[in-house]
Amino acid sequence: MSGLAGWLAAAFTAALFGSRYVPGMWYETLSKPAWTPPNWIFGPVWTLIYITMAVAAWLVWLKVGFAGGKMALGLFVFHLFLNAAWSYLFFGLHRPDLALIDIFALWFTILATGLLFYRIRAVSGLLMLPYLAWVSFAAWLNFALWRLNSGQMLIGLGHRA
């Protein structure tokens, strides 16, 4: 179980960094699509996702260790960086454009990680699917927010004109 604690700590370290950058007033003033979920839904969904992604990594680690899972677990750790960076780019810098680039890279790393995990331990790959689905939705929302508000933002500054 100590291995699981380590993977949970890694996942929630990314979450902790990302949680420093919250929606705030800037986000509240953005034009949003009608299908934007309420802010309260993000916390519970992300908590469940961080737990399932950590369990997926832990199961891979249990089966093959770091040596046998170097590529899969290395990509998993890299994806945590992209995950944490999104909140900073979107909410911290107010740059939906840069956040959109980040979330596309994140999506591909989740897909690649899930495929690598699946080859090692099928259940680990399957545990990454809800995360991939959620990030797909989040990418679409990020895109919609960028499109709806890009005319109101100064290029390169991310601040409302």
N, C-alpha and C. Protein backbone atom coordinates (compact mmCIF):
# COMPACT_ATOMS: atom_id res chain seq x y z
N MET A 1 0.82 -1.21 0.00
CA MET A 1 0.00 0.00 0.00
C MET A 1 0.85 1.27 0.00
N SER A 2 2.10 1.19 0.45
CA SER A 2 2.93 2.39 0.46
C SER A 2 3.16 2.89 -0.97
N GLY A 3 3.22 1.98 -1.95
CA GLY A 3 3.35 2.40 -3.34
C GLY A 3 2.15 3.20 -3.79
N LEU A 4 0.98 2.76 -3.38
CA LEU A 4 -0.24 3.49 -3.72
C LEU A 4 -0.20 4.89 -3.14
N ALA A 5 0.27 5.01 -1.91
CA ALA A 5 0.37 6.34 -1.28
C ALA A 5 1.28 7.26 -2.09
N GLY A 6 2.35 6.71 -2.64
CA GLY A 6 3.26 7.50 -3.45
C GLY A 6 2.61 7.99 -4.73
N TRP A 7 1.87 7.12 -5.40
CA TRP A 7 1.20 7.52 -6.63
C TRP A 7 0.07 8.51 -6.35
N LEU A 8 -0.63 8.31 -5.24
CA LEU A 8 -1.65 9.30 -4.85
C LEU A 8 -1.00 10.64 -4.54
N ALA A 9 0.13 10.61 -3.86
CA ALA A 9 0.84 11.86 -3.54
C ALA A 9 1.28 12.57 -4.82
N ALA A 10 1.77 11.82 -5.79
CA ALA A 10 2.19 12.43 -7.06
C ALA A 10 0.99 13.08 -7.77
N ALA A 11 -0.11 12.35 -7.86
CA ALA A 11 -1.29 12.89 -8.53
C ALA A 11 -1.84 14.11 -7.80
N PHE A 12 -1.91 14.03 -6.47
CA PHE A 12 -2.49 15.14 -5.73
C PHE A 12 -1.52 16.32 -5.57
N THR A 13 -0.24 16.11 -5.83
CA THR A 13 0.69 17.24 -5.90
C THR A 13 0.36 18.08 -7.12
N ALA A 14 0.10 17.43 -8.24
CA ALA A 14 -0.35 18.16 -9.43
C ALA A 14 -1.66 18.87 -9.16
N ALA A 15 -2.57 18.19 -8.47
CA ALA A 15 -3.85 18.79 -8.13
C ALA A 15 -3.67 20.00 -7.22
N LEU A 16 -2.78 19.88 -6.25
CA LEU A 16 -2.54 20.98 -5.33
C LEU A 16 -1.99 22.20 -6.06
N PHE A 17 -1.04 21.98 -6.95
CA PHE A 17 -0.51 23.10 -7.73
C PHE A 17 -1.63 23.74 -8.55
N GLY A 18 -2.39 22.92 -9.26
CA GLY A 18 -3.47 23.44 -10.09
C GLY A 18 -4.54 24.15 -9.29
N SER A 19 -4.80 23.69 -8.08
CA SER A 19 -5.86 24.29 -7.27
C SER A 19 -5.50 25.69 -6.76
N ARG A 20 -4.25 26.07 -6.90
CA ARG A 20 -3.85 27.42 -6.50
C ARG A 20 -4.45 28.47 -7.44
N TYR A 21 -4.86 28.04 -8.62
CA TYR A 21 -5.40 28.94 -9.64
C TYR A 21 -6.86 28.59 -9.85
N VAL A 22 -7.71 29.43 -9.30
CA VAL A 22 -9.15 29.16 -9.29
C VAL A 22 -9.87 30.10 -10.25
N PRO A 23 -11.12 29.77 -10.60
CA PRO A 23 -11.84 30.58 -11.58
C PRO A 23 -11.86 32.08 -11.27
N GLY A 24 -12.33 32.48 -10.13
CA GLY A 24 -12.31 33.88 -9.75
C GLY A 24 -13.17 34.79 -10.63
N MET A 25 -13.01 36.08 -10.42
CA MET A 25 -13.83 37.07 -11.10
C MET A 25 -13.59 37.10 -12.61
N TRP A 26 -12.36 36.93 -13.03
CA TRP A 26 -12.06 36.93 -14.47
C TRP A 26 -12.91 35.88 -15.19
N TYR A 27 -12.93 34.68 -14.64
CA TYR A 27 -13.69 33.60 -15.26
C TYR A 27 -15.18 33.90 -15.24
N GLU A 28 -15.65 34.47 -14.16
CA GLU A 28 -17.08 34.78 -14.04
C GLU A 28 -17.54 35.76 -15.11
N THR A 29 -16.64 36.63 -15.56
CA THR A 29 -17.03 37.64 -16.56
C THR A 29 -16.96 37.12 -17.99
N LEU A 30 -16.41 35.93 -18.20
CA LEU A 30 -16.32 35.38 -19.55
C LEU A 30 -17.69 34.97 -20.07
N SER A 31 -17.89 35.09 -21.37
CA SER A 31 -19.06 34.51 -22.01
C SER A 31 -18.85 33.01 -22.05
N LYS A 32 -19.90 32.26 -21.68
CA LYS A 32 -19.78 30.81 -21.60
C LYS A 32 -20.89 30.15 -22.40
N PRO A 33 -20.61 28.97 -22.95
CA PRO A 33 -21.68 28.24 -23.63
C PRO A 33 -22.73 27.78 -22.62
N ALA A 34 -23.93 27.55 -23.09
CA ALA A 34 -25.03 27.15 -22.21
C ALA A 34 -24.75 25.82 -21.51
N TRP A 35 -23.91 24.99 -22.09
CA TRP A 35 -23.63 23.67 -21.54
C TRP A 35 -22.47 23.66 -20.54
N THR A 36 -22.00 24.83 -20.14
CA THR A 36 -20.94 24.92 -19.14
C THR A 36 -21.46 24.37 -17.81
N PRO A 37 -20.76 23.40 -17.23
CA PRO A 37 -21.23 22.87 -15.94
C PRO A 37 -21.02 23.89 -14.82
N PRO A 38 -21.76 23.74 -13.73
CA PRO A 38 -21.54 24.64 -12.59
C PRO A 38 -20.15 24.39 -11.99
N ASN A 39 -19.57 25.43 -11.41
CA ASN A 39 -18.21 25.34 -10.86
C ASN A 39 -18.07 24.23 -9.82
N TRP A 40 -19.10 23.96 -9.03
CA TRP A 40 -18.99 23.00 -7.94
C TRP A 40 -18.72 21.58 -8.44
N ILE A 41 -19.06 21.27 -9.71
CA ILE A 41 -18.90 19.91 -10.21
C ILE A 41 -17.44 19.53 -10.43
N PHE A 42 -16.59 20.53 -10.68
CA PHE A 42 -15.21 20.25 -11.04
C PHE A 42 -14.41 19.61 -9.90
N GLY A 43 -14.60 20.05 -8.69
CA GLY A 43 -13.87 19.50 -7.54
C GLY A 43 -14.10 18.01 -7.35
N PRO A 44 -15.36 17.56 -7.25
CA PRO A 44 -15.60 16.13 -7.07
C PRO A 44 -15.14 15.29 -8.26
N VAL A 45 -15.36 15.78 -9.47
CA VAL A 45 -14.94 15.01 -10.65
C VAL A 45 -13.42 14.86 -10.67
N TRP A 46 -12.71 15.98 -10.47
CA TRP A 46 -11.25 15.91 -10.50
C TRP A 46 -10.71 15.05 -9.36
N THR A 47 -11.32 15.09 -8.21
CA THR A 47 -10.86 14.24 -7.10
C THR A 47 -10.94 12.77 -7.48
N LEU A 48 -12.06 12.37 -8.04
CA LEU A 48 -12.22 10.98 -8.47
C LEU A 48 -11.21 10.63 -9.57
N ILE A 49 -11.00 11.54 -10.50
CA ILE A 49 -10.05 11.29 -11.58
C ILE A 49 -8.62 11.15 -11.04
N TYR A 50 -8.22 12.02 -10.12
CA TYR A 50 -6.88 11.91 -9.55
C TYR A 50 -6.69 10.58 -8.83
N ILE A 51 -7.71 10.11 -8.16
CA ILE A 51 -7.62 8.82 -7.48
C ILE A 51 -7.50 7.69 -8.49
N THR A 52 -8.34 7.68 -9.52
CA THR A 52 -8.30 6.59 -10.50
C THR A 52 -7.00 6.59 -11.30
N MET A 53 -6.48 7.78 -11.64
CA MET A 53 -5.21 7.80 -12.39
C MET A 53 -4.06 7.29 -11.51
N ALA A 54 -4.09 7.62 -10.23
CA ALA A 54 -3.04 7.14 -9.31
C ALA A 54 -3.12 5.63 -9.16
N VAL A 55 -4.33 5.09 -9.04
CA VAL A 55 -4.49 3.64 -8.94
C VAL A 55 -3.99 2.97 -10.22
N ALA A 56 -4.29 3.57 -11.37
CA ALA A 56 -3.82 3.00 -12.64
C ALA A 56 -2.30 2.93 -12.67
N ALA A 57 -1.64 4.00 -12.28
CA ALA A 57 -0.16 4.02 -12.27
C ALA A 57 0.37 3.02 -11.25
N TRP A 58 -0.25 2.96 -10.10
CA TRP A 58 0.18 2.03 -9.05
C TRP A 58 0.10 0.58 -9.51
N LEU A 59 -0.99 0.23 -10.21
CA LEU A 59 -1.14 -1.14 -10.69
C LEU A 59 -0.07 -1.49 -11.73
N VAL A 60 0.27 -0.53 -12.57
CA VAL A 60 1.36 -0.75 -13.53
C VAL A 60 2.67 -0.93 -12.78
N TRP A 61 2.92 -0.05 -11.83
CA TRP A 61 4.15 -0.11 -11.03
C TRP A 61 4.25 -1.44 -10.28
N LEU A 62 3.12 -1.90 -9.73
CA LEU A 62 3.12 -3.20 -9.03
C LEU A 62 3.52 -4.34 -9.96
N LYS A 63 3.05 -4.29 -11.19
CA LYS A 63 3.30 -5.39 -12.12
C LYS A 63 4.71 -5.38 -12.68
N VAL A 64 5.23 -4.19 -13.06
CA VAL A 64 6.52 -4.16 -13.77
C VAL A 64 7.57 -3.27 -13.12
N GLY A 65 7.19 -2.53 -12.09
CA GLY A 65 8.14 -1.63 -11.45
C GLY A 65 8.53 -0.46 -12.35
N PHE A 66 9.46 0.35 -11.85
CA PHE A 66 9.91 1.49 -12.63
C PHE A 66 10.71 1.04 -13.85
N ALA A 67 11.52 0.03 -13.67
CA ALA A 67 12.38 -0.44 -14.77
C ALA A 67 11.54 -0.98 -15.93
N GLY A 68 10.55 -1.78 -15.63
CA GLY A 68 9.71 -2.36 -16.68
C GLY A 68 8.67 -1.41 -17.24
N GLY A 69 8.37 -0.36 -16.50
CA GLY A 69 7.36 0.59 -16.93
C GLY A 69 7.92 1.97 -17.17
N LYS A 70 9.22 2.04 -17.52
CA LYS A 70 9.89 3.34 -17.65
C LYS A 70 9.14 4.30 -18.57
N MET A 71 8.78 3.85 -19.76
CA MET A 71 8.10 4.71 -20.72
C MET A 71 6.70 5.08 -20.23
N ALA A 72 5.92 4.10 -19.82
CA ALA A 72 4.55 4.34 -19.38
C ALA A 72 4.50 5.22 -18.14
N LEU A 73 5.31 4.90 -17.15
CA LEU A 73 5.28 5.68 -15.90
C LEU A 73 5.94 7.04 -16.08
N GLY A 74 6.95 7.11 -16.94
CA GLY A 74 7.56 8.41 -17.25
C GLY A 74 6.58 9.34 -17.94
N LEU A 75 5.82 8.79 -18.88
CA LEU A 75 4.79 9.59 -19.55
C LEU A 75 3.70 10.00 -18.58
N PHE A 76 3.38 9.11 -17.65
CA PHE A 76 2.39 9.44 -16.63
C PHE A 76 2.86 10.64 -15.81
N VAL A 77 4.10 10.63 -15.38
CA VAL A 77 4.64 11.74 -14.60
C VAL A 77 4.65 13.02 -15.43
N PHE A 78 5.04 12.93 -16.70
CA PHE A 78 5.04 14.09 -17.58
C PHE A 78 3.63 14.66 -17.74
N HIS A 79 2.65 13.78 -17.87
CA HIS A 79 1.29 14.26 -18.04
C HIS A 79 0.80 15.03 -16.80
N LEU A 80 1.32 14.67 -15.62
CA LEU A 80 0.95 15.42 -14.42
C LEU A 80 1.42 16.87 -14.52
N PHE A 81 2.57 17.09 -15.13
CA PHE A 81 3.05 18.45 -15.35
C PHE A 81 2.09 19.21 -16.26
N LEU A 82 1.69 18.60 -17.36
CA LEU A 82 0.75 19.26 -18.28
C LEU A 82 -0.59 19.52 -17.59
N ASN A 83 -1.02 18.58 -16.77
CA ASN A 83 -2.27 18.72 -16.04
C ASN A 83 -2.23 19.94 -15.13
N ALA A 84 -1.16 20.06 -14.36
CA ALA A 84 -1.03 21.19 -13.43
C ALA A 84 -0.85 22.50 -14.18
N ALA A 85 -0.15 22.47 -15.31
CA ALA A 85 0.11 23.69 -16.07
C ALA A 85 -1.17 24.30 -16.62
N TRP A 86 -2.16 23.47 -16.93
CA TRP A 86 -3.39 24.00 -17.52
C TRP A 86 -4.04 25.05 -16.61
N SER A 87 -4.20 24.75 -15.35
CA SER A 87 -4.84 25.71 -14.43
C SER A 87 -4.06 27.01 -14.35
N TYR A 88 -2.75 26.90 -14.33
CA TYR A 88 -1.91 28.10 -14.31
C TYR A 88 -2.12 28.93 -15.57
N LEU A 89 -2.09 28.27 -16.72
CA LEU A 89 -2.26 29.00 -17.98
C LEU A 89 -3.65 29.62 -18.11
N PHE A 90 -4.68 28.84 -17.79
CA PHE A 90 -6.05 29.32 -17.97
C PHE A 90 -6.46 30.32 -16.89
N PHE A 91 -6.40 29.90 -15.64
CA PHE A 91 -6.88 30.74 -14.55
C PHE A 91 -5.82 31.70 -14.02
N GLY A 92 -4.57 31.28 -14.03
CA GLY A 92 -3.50 32.13 -13.50
C GLY A 92 -3.10 33.23 -14.46
N LEU A 93 -2.82 32.85 -15.71
CA LEU A 93 -2.39 33.84 -16.70
C LEU A 93 -3.54 34.41 -17.52
N HIS A 94 -4.73 33.82 -17.38
CA HIS A 94 -5.90 34.22 -18.17
C HIS A 94 -5.62 34.06 -19.66
N ARG A 95 -5.04 32.92 -19.99
CA ARG A 95 -4.66 32.65 -21.38
C ARG A 95 -5.34 31.37 -21.88
N PRO A 96 -6.61 31.45 -22.25
CA PRO A 96 -7.29 30.27 -22.79
C PRO A 96 -6.61 29.73 -24.04
N ASP A 97 -5.94 30.59 -24.80
CA ASP A 97 -5.24 30.13 -26.00
C ASP A 97 -4.09 29.19 -25.65
N LEU A 98 -3.26 29.59 -24.71
CA LEU A 98 -2.15 28.72 -24.28
C LEU A 98 -2.66 27.48 -23.55
N ALA A 99 -3.73 27.66 -22.78
CA ALA A 99 -4.33 26.52 -22.08
C ALA A 99 -4.88 25.51 -23.08
N LEU A 100 -5.39 25.98 -24.21
CA LEU A 100 -5.91 25.10 -25.24
C LEU A 100 -4.78 24.25 -25.85
N ILE A 101 -3.65 24.86 -26.10
CA ILE A 101 -2.49 24.12 -26.59
C ILE A 101 -2.08 23.07 -25.56
N ASP A 102 -2.02 23.48 -24.30
CA ASP A 102 -1.65 22.56 -23.22
C ASP A 102 -2.64 21.40 -23.12
N ILE A 103 -3.92 21.68 -23.20
CA ILE A 103 -4.90 20.61 -23.00
C ILE A 103 -4.90 19.63 -24.17
N PHE A 104 -4.56 20.10 -25.37
CA PHE A 104 -4.41 19.16 -26.49
C PHE A 104 -3.21 18.25 -26.25
N ALA A 105 -2.11 18.81 -25.79
CA ALA A 105 -0.93 17.99 -25.45
C ALA A 105 -1.28 17.03 -24.32
N LEU A 106 -2.02 17.51 -23.33
CA LEU A 106 -2.44 16.67 -22.22
C LEU A 106 -3.29 15.51 -22.72
N TRP A 107 -4.24 15.80 -23.61
CA TRP A 107 -5.12 14.76 -24.14
C TRP A 107 -4.31 13.66 -24.80
N PHE A 108 -3.35 14.04 -25.63
CA PHE A 108 -2.53 13.04 -26.32
C PHE A 108 -1.66 12.24 -25.34
N THR A 109 -1.16 12.90 -24.30
CA THR A 109 -0.34 12.15 -23.34
C THR A 109 -1.21 11.21 -22.50
N ILE A 110 -2.44 11.61 -22.21
CA ILE A 110 -3.35 10.69 -21.50
C ILE A 110 -3.65 9.48 -22.37
N LEU A 111 -3.93 9.73 -23.64
CA LEU A 111 -4.21 8.62 -24.57
C LEU A 111 -3.01 7.69 -24.66
N ALA A 112 -1.83 8.24 -24.86
CA ALA A 112 -0.62 7.42 -24.98
C ALA A 112 -0.34 6.67 -23.68
N THR A 113 -0.50 7.35 -22.55
CA THR A 113 -0.30 6.70 -21.25
C THR A 113 -1.29 5.56 -21.07
N GLY A 114 -2.54 5.82 -21.40
CA GLY A 114 -3.57 4.78 -21.28
C GLY A 114 -3.28 3.57 -22.14
N LEU A 115 -2.80 3.81 -23.36
CA LEU A 115 -2.47 2.69 -24.25
C LEU A 115 -1.28 1.90 -23.72
N LEU A 116 -0.26 2.61 -23.24
CA LEU A 116 0.90 1.92 -22.65
C LEU A 116 0.50 1.16 -21.40
N PHE A 117 -0.33 1.79 -20.56
CA PHE A 117 -0.82 1.11 -19.37
C PHE A 117 -1.59 -0.15 -19.74
N TYR A 118 -2.44 -0.04 -20.77
CA TYR A 118 -3.28 -1.17 -21.18
C TYR A 118 -2.42 -2.36 -21.59
N ARG A 119 -1.32 -2.09 -22.28
CA ARG A 119 -0.43 -3.18 -22.72
C ARG A 119 0.21 -3.89 -21.53
N ILE A 120 0.41 -3.14 -20.45
CA ILE A 120 1.04 -3.72 -19.26
C ILE A 120 0.01 -4.38 -18.35
N ARG A 121 -1.06 -3.68 -18.14
CA ARG A 121 -2.13 -4.17 -17.27
C ARG A 121 -3.44 -3.54 -17.75
N ALA A 122 -4.29 -4.33 -18.37
CA ALA A 122 -5.48 -3.82 -19.04
C ALA A 122 -6.33 -2.92 -18.15
N VAL A 123 -6.53 -3.30 -16.90
CA VAL A 123 -7.38 -2.51 -16.02
C VAL A 123 -6.81 -1.09 -15.84
N SER A 124 -5.50 -0.95 -15.87
CA SER A 124 -4.88 0.37 -15.73
C SER A 124 -5.22 1.26 -16.93
N GLY A 125 -5.16 0.67 -18.11
CA GLY A 125 -5.55 1.43 -19.29
C GLY A 125 -7.01 1.83 -19.24
N LEU A 126 -7.86 0.93 -18.80
CA LEU A 126 -9.29 1.23 -18.69
C LEU A 126 -9.57 2.30 -17.64
N LEU A 127 -8.78 2.31 -16.57
CA LEU A 127 -8.95 3.33 -15.54
C LEU A 127 -8.63 4.74 -16.05
N MET A 128 -7.90 4.83 -17.14
CA MET A 128 -7.56 6.13 -17.72
C MET A 128 -8.67 6.67 -18.63
N LEU A 129 -9.63 5.82 -19.00
CA LEU A 129 -10.67 6.24 -19.94
C LEU A 129 -11.58 7.35 -19.40
N PRO A 130 -12.05 7.29 -18.14
CA PRO A 130 -12.86 8.41 -17.66
C PRO A 130 -12.10 9.74 -17.67
N TYR A 131 -10.82 9.67 -17.37
CA TYR A 131 -9.96 10.85 -17.41
C TYR A 131 -9.87 11.40 -18.83
N LEU A 132 -9.67 10.51 -19.79
CA LEU A 132 -9.60 10.93 -21.18
C LEU A 132 -10.93 11.56 -21.62
N ALA A 133 -12.03 10.97 -21.20
CA ALA A 133 -13.35 11.51 -21.54
C ALA A 133 -13.54 12.90 -20.92
N TRP A 134 -13.15 13.05 -19.66
CA TRP A 134 -13.32 14.34 -18.98
C TRP A 134 -12.44 15.41 -19.62
N VAL A 135 -11.21 15.07 -19.96
CA VAL A 135 -10.32 16.04 -20.59
C VAL A 135 -10.80 16.35 -22.00
N SER A 136 -11.44 15.40 -22.67
CA SER A 136 -12.05 15.69 -23.98
C SER A 136 -13.13 16.76 -23.82
N PHE A 137 -13.98 16.57 -22.82
CA PHE A 137 -15.01 17.58 -22.54
C PHE A 137 -14.38 18.91 -22.16
N ALA A 138 -13.37 18.87 -21.30
CA ALA A 138 -12.72 20.11 -20.85
C ALA A 138 -12.04 20.82 -22.02
N ALA A 139 -11.47 20.06 -22.95
CA ALA A 139 -10.84 20.67 -24.13
C ALA A 139 -11.89 21.37 -24.99
N TRP A 140 -13.02 20.73 -25.16
CA TRP A 140 -14.11 21.33 -25.94
C TRP A 140 -14.60 22.61 -25.25
N LEU A 141 -14.73 22.57 -23.94
CA LEU A 141 -15.15 23.75 -23.19
C LEU A 141 -14.09 24.84 -23.28
N ASN A 142 -12.83 24.49 -23.15
CA ASN A 142 -11.73 25.46 -23.28
C ASN A 142 -11.79 26.13 -24.65
N PHE A 143 -11.99 25.31 -25.70
CA PHE A 143 -12.09 25.84 -27.06
C PHE A 143 -13.27 26.80 -27.18
N ALA A 144 -14.42 26.40 -26.65
CA ALA A 144 -15.61 27.25 -26.72
C ALA A 144 -15.39 28.57 -25.99
N LEU A 145 -14.78 28.51 -24.82
CA LEU A 145 -14.51 29.74 -24.06
C LEU A 145 -13.54 30.64 -24.82
N TRP A 146 -12.53 30.04 -25.41
CA TRP A 146 -11.57 30.82 -26.20
C TRP A 146 -12.27 31.49 -27.37
N ARG A 147 -13.10 30.72 -28.10
CA ARG A 147 -13.79 31.28 -29.26
C ARG A 147 -14.79 32.36 -28.86
N LEU A 148 -15.54 32.13 -27.82
CA LEU A 148 -16.54 33.10 -27.39
C LEU A 148 -15.93 34.39 -26.87
N ASN A 149 -14.72 34.33 -26.39
CA ASN A 149 -14.12 35.49 -25.72
C ASN A 149 -12.87 36.03 -26.41
N SER A 150 -12.43 35.43 -27.49
CA SER A 150 -11.17 35.85 -28.11
C SER A 150 -11.23 37.28 -28.64
N GLY A 151 -12.38 37.73 -29.09
CA GLY A 151 -12.51 39.09 -29.57
C GLY A 151 -12.45 40.13 -28.46
N GLN A 152 -12.68 39.70 -27.24
CA GLN A 152 -12.67 40.61 -26.10
C GLN A 152 -11.32 40.62 -25.38
N MET A 153 -10.38 39.83 -25.86
CA MET A 153 -9.08 39.74 -25.18
C MET A 153 -8.00 40.34 -26.05
N LEU A 154 -7.06 40.97 -25.43
CA LEU A 154 -5.90 41.50 -26.13
C LEU A 154 -4.97 40.35 -26.44
N ILE A 155 -4.60 40.19 -27.68
CA ILE A 155 -3.71 39.11 -28.10
C ILE A 155 -2.41 39.21 -27.28
N GLY A 156 -2.01 38.08 -26.71
CA GLY A 156 -0.76 38.01 -25.97
C GLY A 156 -0.84 38.46 -24.53
N LEU A 157 -1.92 39.12 -24.16
CA LEU A 157 -2.02 39.57 -22.77
C LEU A 157 -3.04 38.77 -21.98
N GLY A 158 -4.06 38.29 -22.66
CA GLY A 158 -5.06 37.48 -21.98
C GLY A 158 -5.99 38.27 -21.08
N HIS A 159 -5.94 39.59 -21.15
CA HIS A 159 -6.81 40.41 -20.32
C HIS A 159 -7.94 40.96 -21.16
N ARG A 160 -9.06 41.15 -20.52
CA ARG A 160 -10.22 41.70 -21.23
C ARG A 160 -9.94 43.14 -21.59
N ALA A 161 -10.36 43.49 -22.81
CA ALA A 161 -10.18 44.87 -23.27
C ALA A 161 -11.25 45.78 -22.68
